[in-house]
Amino acid sequence: MRVFELVVAGGWPMIPLLLLTAVALAIIIERFWSLQRKRVLPPGLGDEVRAWAQRGQLQPAHIDSLRCNSPLGALLAAALDVRPRPRDEIRERIEDVGRHEVHRMERFLNTLGTIAAAGPLLGLFGTVVGMIQMFLAIGEGGIGDVNALASGIGKALVCTATGMIVAIPALMFHRYFRGRIAGYIVDMEHEAIRLLDTIDPRPGVAPVASGGSGIVPPTAA
């Protein structure tokens, strides 16, 4: 049976499922583009910024350009903005900006997770609607042709299958992007601490907790 015939067989509950499919596909493509490593952690950026700091080449124009460069650039620019302050205050600024950058990297992931959870439920809803319509027809006209009844049940189950087809890839990519962001956070923390050591090589008053600068990792779903 062709795809179009399956969609028609599923009835009107297929409309929200198809909309969820389009939204999930758009989010996946957009996140793949935005979460490329070269866009989040440009190669050599950390070394370049540390060289600026060592040579004292920290003009405001350089810092503003760095801030717009990437999430890593925004994190390093935040440290450079408050470089004359004590080490603990610099680290607090890094943590604060880091939380905002993590939130930006997680953009649309909650929506993708919601689609993964809602897909099977919408599919089940469509199947229930189809079964109700079928049994109402049986109540009015009797069972009639058993083959036609079996065909109708199969059509009703199309929504359930579609819901699973939508949900499984959405869940897989949701987990994948969460894991990718978690890896980026570790690398960003490492670069931030290296810059912090360049700006102020003296040990901080409070020990740095495990995980570097304390950038909040993405919440597990």
Protein backbone atom coordinates (compact mmCIF):
# COMPACT_ATOMS: atom_id res chain seq x y z
CA MET A 1 0.00 0.00 0.00
CA ARG A 2 1.36 3.38 -0.92
CA VAL A 3 2.22 6.00 1.70
CA PHE A 4 -0.57 8.35 0.61
CA GLU A 5 -3.14 5.57 0.96
CA LEU A 6 -1.90 4.85 4.48
CA VAL A 7 -2.19 8.51 5.41
CA VAL A 8 -5.74 8.65 4.08
CA ALA A 9 -6.59 5.41 5.88
CA GLY A 10 -5.47 6.88 9.20
CA GLY A 11 -8.08 9.63 8.94
CA TRP A 12 -7.97 13.12 10.43
CA PRO A 13 -5.80 12.10 13.47
CA MET A 14 -2.94 11.74 10.98
CA ILE A 15 -2.89 15.52 10.50
CA PRO A 16 -1.31 16.38 13.89
CA LEU A 17 1.07 13.44 13.50
CA LEU A 18 2.24 14.76 10.15
CA LEU A 19 2.67 18.23 11.66
CA LEU A 20 4.76 16.77 14.48
CA THR A 21 6.87 14.96 11.91
CA ALA A 22 7.57 18.20 10.05
CA VAL A 23 8.43 20.09 13.25
CA ALA A 24 10.72 17.31 14.49
CA LEU A 25 12.53 17.15 11.16
CA ALA A 26 13.02 20.93 11.13
CA ILE A 27 14.43 20.89 14.68
CA ILE A 28 16.81 18.04 13.92
CA ILE A 29 18.19 19.77 10.82
CA GLU A 30 18.52 23.11 12.63
CA ARG A 31 20.29 21.56 15.64
CA PHE A 32 22.69 19.62 13.44
CA TRP A 33 23.61 22.91 11.77
CA SER A 34 23.87 24.96 14.97
CA LEU A 35 25.68 22.34 17.05
CA GLN A 36 28.53 21.71 14.64
CA ARG A 37 31.76 21.61 16.61
CA LYS A 38 33.34 24.35 14.52
CA ARG A 39 30.43 26.65 15.40
CA VAL A 40 30.52 25.94 19.13
CA LEU A 41 34.26 25.39 19.68
CA PRO A 42 36.16 26.98 16.77
CA PRO A 43 39.57 25.27 16.38
CA GLY A 44 42.42 27.22 17.92
CA LEU A 45 40.22 29.91 19.45
CA GLY A 46 41.31 29.16 23.01
CA ASP A 47 45.01 29.34 22.10
CA GLU A 48 44.45 32.61 20.24
CA VAL A 49 42.64 34.25 23.16
CA ARG A 50 45.28 33.13 25.64
CA ALA A 51 47.92 34.65 23.37
CA TRP A 52 45.97 37.93 23.41
CA ALA A 53 45.90 37.86 27.19
CA GLN A 54 49.62 37.12 27.50
CA ARG A 55 50.53 39.96 25.13
CA GLY A 56 48.03 42.35 26.66
CA GLN A 57 46.21 42.80 23.32
CA LEU A 58 42.74 43.07 24.83
CA GLN A 59 41.10 45.96 23.06
CA PRO A 60 37.31 46.25 23.54
CA ALA A 61 36.80 45.67 19.80
CA HIS A 62 38.61 42.32 20.04
CA ILE A 63 36.52 41.25 23.02
CA ASP A 64 33.24 42.28 21.34
CA SER A 65 34.21 40.35 18.22
CA LEU A 66 35.08 37.34 20.36
CA ARG A 67 31.72 37.49 22.14
CA CYS A 68 29.85 37.16 18.83
CA ASN A 69 32.14 34.44 17.53
CA SER A 70 30.68 31.34 19.18
CA PRO A 71 29.46 29.99 22.55
CA LEU A 72 33.09 29.38 23.52
CA GLY A 73 33.96 32.91 22.43
CA ALA A 74 31.16 34.34 24.57
CA LEU A 75 32.46 32.39 27.55
CA LEU A 76 36.04 33.58 27.11
CA ALA A 77 34.90 37.16 26.47
CA ALA A 78 33.01 37.08 29.76
CA ALA A 79 36.24 36.20 31.56
CA LEU A 80 38.14 38.98 29.79
CA ASP A 81 35.46 41.55 30.65
CA VAL A 82 36.20 41.15 34.38
CA ARG A 83 39.88 40.21 34.21
CA PRO A 84 41.03 42.85 36.75
CA ARG A 85 38.76 41.34 39.41
CA PRO A 86 39.65 38.54 41.86
CA ARG A 87 39.80 35.01 40.50
CA ASP A 88 36.61 33.88 42.25
CA GLU A 89 34.60 36.72 40.70
CA ILE A 90 35.95 35.87 37.25
CA ARG A 91 34.90 32.27 37.75
CA GLU A 92 31.43 33.34 38.86
CA ARG A 93 31.03 35.39 35.68
CA ILE A 94 32.15 32.38 33.60
CA GLU A 95 29.56 30.19 35.34
CA ASP A 96 26.79 32.74 34.80
CA VAL A 97 27.53 33.20 31.09
CA GLY A 98 28.04 29.46 30.73
CA ARG A 99 24.51 28.78 31.96
CA HIS A 100 23.12 31.15 29.35
CA GLU A 101 25.17 29.54 26.59
CA VAL A 102 24.05 26.06 27.61
CA HIS A 103 20.45 27.26 27.49
CA ARG A 104 21.02 28.56 23.96
CA MET A 105 22.58 25.28 22.86
CA GLU A 106 19.59 23.39 24.27
CA ARG A 107 17.20 25.49 22.19
CA PHE A 108 14.27 23.45 20.82
CA LEU A 109 15.41 20.25 22.56
CA ASN A 110 12.49 20.39 25.00
CA THR A 111 10.17 20.61 22.01
CA LEU A 112 11.86 17.60 20.43
CA GLY A 113 11.48 15.67 23.68
CA THR A 114 7.81 16.61 23.84
CA ILE A 115 7.28 15.31 20.32
CA ALA A 116 8.97 12.04 21.28
CA ALA A 117 6.56 11.66 24.21
CA ALA A 118 3.42 12.89 22.44
CA GLY A 119 3.83 10.92 19.19
CA PRO A 120 2.76 7.50 20.52
CA LEU A 121 -0.10 9.05 22.50
CA LEU A 122 -1.46 10.81 19.43
CA GLY A 123 -1.06 7.60 17.45
CA LEU A 124 -2.99 5.67 20.09
CA PHE A 125 -5.65 8.36 20.12
CA GLY A 126 -6.07 8.02 16.36
CA THR A 127 -6.39 4.26 16.67
CA VAL A 128 -9.01 4.57 19.40
CA VAL A 129 -10.99 7.03 17.29
CA GLY A 130 -10.85 4.63 14.33
CA MET A 131 -11.97 1.67 16.47
CA ILE A 132 -14.86 3.67 17.94
CA GLN A 133 -16.06 4.59 14.46
CA MET A 134 -15.77 0.97 13.37
CA PHE A 135 -17.75 -0.43 16.29
CA LEU A 136 -20.43 2.22 15.87
CA ALA A 137 -20.77 1.11 12.24
CA ILE A 138 -20.99 -2.52 13.36
CA GLY A 139 -23.68 -1.60 15.88
CA GLU A 140 -25.76 -0.01 13.15
CA GLY A 141 -25.30 -2.52 10.33
CA GLY A 142 -23.92 -5.71 11.87
CA ILE A 143 -20.57 -7.36 11.32
CA GLY A 144 -21.06 -7.96 7.63
CA ASP A 145 -17.89 -8.95 5.75
CA VAL A 146 -15.20 -10.22 8.13
CA ASN A 147 -12.45 -9.35 5.62
CA ALA A 148 -13.68 -5.77 5.47
CA LEU A 149 -13.68 -5.66 9.29
CA ALA A 150 -10.07 -6.89 9.43
CA SER A 151 -9.09 -4.30 6.84
CA GLY A 152 -10.73 -1.59 8.93
CA ILE A 153 -8.83 -2.64 12.06
CA GLY A 154 -5.59 -2.55 10.10
CA LYS A 155 -6.34 0.96 8.93
CA ALA A 156 -7.07 2.05 12.49
CA LEU A 157 -3.66 0.79 13.60
CA VAL A 158 -1.97 3.00 11.02
CA CYS A 159 -2.07 5.89 13.50
CA THR A 160 -0.30 3.87 16.18
CA ALA A 161 2.45 2.87 13.77
CA THR A 162 2.82 6.46 12.58
CA GLY A 163 3.09 7.72 16.15
CA MET A 164 5.94 5.31 16.80
CA ILE A 165 7.67 6.27 13.56
CA VAL A 166 7.56 9.90 14.68
CA ALA A 167 8.56 9.27 18.30
CA ILE A 168 11.51 6.89 17.92
CA PRO A 169 13.75 9.16 15.77
CA ALA A 170 12.74 12.21 17.86
CA LEU A 171 13.80 10.43 21.06
CA MET A 172 17.05 9.19 19.54
CA PHE A 173 18.08 12.62 18.29
CA HIS A 174 16.97 14.27 21.53
CA ARG A 175 19.36 12.01 23.46
CA TYR A 176 22.09 12.45 20.86
CA PHE A 177 22.00 16.24 21.02
CA ARG A 178 21.97 16.16 24.83
CA GLY A 179 25.10 14.03 24.78
CA ARG A 180 26.80 16.30 22.25
CA ILE A 181 26.07 19.38 24.36
CA ALA A 182 27.40 17.65 27.48
CA GLY A 183 30.67 16.97 25.63
CA TYR A 184 30.88 20.59 24.51
CA ILE A 185 30.38 21.76 28.10
CA VAL A 186 33.38 19.76 29.28
CA ASP A 187 35.59 21.26 26.55
CA MET A 188 34.31 24.79 27.21
CA GLU A 189 35.05 24.43 30.91
CA HIS A 190 38.56 23.28 30.12
CA GLU A 191 39.23 26.27 27.86
CA ALA A 192 37.73 28.67 30.39
CA ILE A 193 39.95 27.37 33.19
CA ARG A 194 43.04 27.60 31.00
CA LEU A 195 42.24 31.24 30.22
CA LEU A 196 41.55 31.88 33.90
CA ASP A 197 44.99 30.50 34.76
CA THR A 198 46.52 32.80 32.13
CA ILE A 199 44.73 35.88 33.44
CA ASP A 200 45.37 35.12 37.12
CA PRO A 201 47.90 32.33 37.71
CA ARG A 202 47.46 32.56 41.46
CA PRO A 203 45.35 29.78 43.04
CA GLY A 204 41.83 30.80 43.92
CA VAL A 205 40.62 31.13 47.47
CA ALA A 206 38.01 28.41 46.98
CA PRO A 207 38.90 25.14 45.24
CA VAL A 208 37.47 24.58 41.78
CA ALA A 209 34.86 21.86 41.92
CA SER A 210 35.11 18.77 39.77
CA GLY A 211 33.89 19.67 36.30
CA GLY A 212 35.85 22.88 35.83
CA SER A 213 34.12 26.22 35.94
CA GLY A 214 30.82 24.81 37.10
CA ILE A 215 28.86 25.37 33.90
CA VAL A 216 25.53 23.69 34.43
CA PRO A 217 25.18 20.55 32.26
CA PRO A 218 22.01 19.87 30.30
CA THR A 219 19.27 18.34 32.39
CA ALA A 220 18.61 14.69 31.76
CA ALA A 221 15.31 13.95 30.14
